[in-house]
Amino acid sequence: MTNPCLIVECSEADTWPNLYTGEPPRSSTNPGPLRIPENRKPTMLQPDRETAEEEARRLAAAKGGDRVFVVFEAAAAVRMVTIPTHTTLGGKTTGERRVAQVLDLGEDDGIPF
């Protein structure tokens, strides 16, 4: 099975704004979550890693300079699922709750890739 990939230009990632404060990270060793700038957000989902790497090479050659293009490969998905919380002695569910569950790609998750 092949997983889809995204390409993100990560040049100057040390200047990307912190997700919560909007300021550049103070430390490159622990920057916290960063917001990808609008002009660097991916716009295409590549069908597989080989295609993504080929496109990243093309972009690096076309854009030139010291730009860095990173390939991110899909590894998992998260979906809300309903689980039983209470059952009778006969096995009938009398209560349930919804929780977020991590799924491996390729499970019957309804994701179209």
Protein backbone atom coordinates (compact mmCIF):
# COMPACT_ATOMS: atom_id res chain seq x y z
CA MET A 1 0.00 0.00 0.00
CA THR A 2 1.25 3.48 -0.82
CA ASN A 3 0.47 6.46 1.34
CA PRO A 4 -0.17 9.95 -0.01
CA CYS A 5 2.33 12.71 0.70
CA LEU A 6 2.48 16.48 1.04
CA ILE A 7 5.40 18.69 0.09
CA VAL A 8 6.11 21.73 2.25
CA GLU A 9 8.79 24.32 1.58
CA CYS A 10 10.47 24.53 4.98
CA SER A 11 13.07 27.18 4.16
CA GLU A 12 13.40 29.65 7.01
CA ALA A 13 11.16 27.52 9.24
CA ASP A 14 12.89 29.09 12.23
CA THR A 15 10.95 32.29 11.46
CA TRP A 16 7.52 30.66 11.24
CA PRO A 17 5.07 31.99 13.83
CA ASN A 18 4.24 30.04 16.97
CA LEU A 19 0.73 28.62 16.77
CA TYR A 20 -0.38 30.22 20.03
CA THR A 21 1.56 33.48 20.30
CA GLY A 22 2.16 34.33 16.65
CA GLU A 23 5.80 35.14 17.47
CA PRO A 24 8.83 33.35 15.97
CA PRO A 25 10.10 30.50 18.19
CA ARG A 26 12.69 31.47 20.78
CA SER A 27 14.57 28.18 20.47
CA SER A 28 15.04 25.94 17.46
CA THR A 29 15.45 22.89 19.74
CA ASN A 30 11.93 23.18 21.18
CA PRO A 31 9.90 25.62 19.07
CA GLY A 32 6.46 24.22 19.95
CA PRO A 33 3.77 24.01 17.29
CA LEU A 34 4.36 26.35 14.38
CA ARG A 35 1.88 27.75 11.89
CA ILE A 36 2.85 27.16 8.26
CA PRO A 37 2.76 30.54 6.48
CA GLU A 38 0.12 30.87 3.76
CA ASN A 39 2.71 31.05 0.99
CA ARG A 40 4.27 27.75 2.15
CA LYS A 41 1.11 25.68 2.68
CA PRO A 42 0.80 22.64 0.44
CA THR A 43 -1.90 22.79 -2.21
CA MET A 44 -1.60 19.31 -3.70
CA LEU A 45 -1.76 15.79 -2.31
CA GLN A 46 0.80 13.60 -4.05
CA PRO A 47 -0.37 10.00 -4.65
CA ASP A 48 2.74 8.30 -3.26
CA ARG A 49 6.21 8.95 -1.86
CA GLU A 50 8.05 8.31 -5.13
CA THR A 51 5.94 10.90 -6.97
CA ALA A 52 6.32 13.36 -4.08
CA GLU A 53 10.11 13.00 -4.02
CA GLU A 54 10.25 13.51 -7.78
CA GLU A 55 8.10 16.64 -7.49
CA ALA A 56 10.21 17.94 -4.57
CA ARG A 57 13.34 17.54 -6.72
CA ARG A 58 11.62 19.40 -9.55
CA LEU A 59 10.58 22.22 -7.21
CA ALA A 60 14.08 22.52 -5.73
CA ALA A 61 15.59 22.74 -9.21
CA ALA A 62 12.97 25.23 -10.43
CA LYS A 63 13.06 27.50 -7.37
CA GLY A 64 16.83 27.32 -6.87
CA GLY A 65 18.73 28.93 -4.03
CA ASP A 66 18.84 27.33 -0.62
CA ARG A 67 15.19 26.35 -0.49
CA VAL A 68 14.36 23.12 1.32
CA PHE A 69 11.34 21.01 0.36
CA VAL A 70 10.20 18.38 2.87
CA VAL A 71 8.03 15.39 1.99
CA PHE A 72 5.47 14.45 4.65
CA GLU A 73 3.96 10.98 4.29
CA ALA A 74 0.56 10.15 5.76
CA ALA A 75 0.97 7.59 8.55
CA ALA A 76 -2.30 7.51 10.48
CA ALA A 77 -5.74 9.03 10.71
CA VAL A 78 -7.86 9.97 13.72
CA ARG A 79 -11.60 9.55 13.86
CA MET A 80 -14.25 9.85 16.56
CA VAL A 81 -15.71 6.45 17.44
CA THR A 82 -18.45 5.37 19.82
CA ILE A 83 -17.52 2.92 22.57
CA PRO A 84 -19.80 1.31 25.14
CA THR A 85 -19.41 2.52 28.72
CA HIS A 86 -22.08 0.44 30.46
CA THR A 87 -23.58 -2.95 29.70
CA THR A 88 -26.14 -5.12 31.40
CA LEU A 89 -25.31 -8.62 32.63
CA GLY A 90 -27.01 -9.85 29.47
CA GLY A 91 -24.54 -7.87 27.32
CA LYS A 92 -26.91 -5.10 26.22
CA THR A 93 -25.23 -1.68 25.93
CA THR A 94 -26.89 0.91 28.16
CA GLY A 95 -24.39 3.74 27.85
CA GLU A 96 -21.76 4.92 25.42
CA ARG A 97 -19.38 7.77 24.75
CA ARG A 98 -17.39 9.11 21.81
CA VAL A 99 -13.59 9.11 21.85
CA ALA A 100 -10.89 9.94 19.34
CA GLN A 101 -9.16 6.81 18.03
CA VAL A 102 -5.95 6.64 15.98
CA LEU A 103 -6.31 4.37 12.96
CA ASP A 104 -3.61 2.92 10.77
CA LEU A 105 -4.11 3.91 7.17
CA GLY A 106 -5.62 1.05 5.24
CA GLU A 107 -8.00 -0.04 7.98
CA ASP A 108 -11.67 0.26 7.12
CA ASP A 109 -11.50 3.96 7.91
CA GLY A 110 -13.37 5.42 4.93
CA ILE A 111 -10.34 7.50 3.89
CA PRO A 112 -10.12 7.46 0.09
CA PHE A 113 -6.45 6.49 -0.10
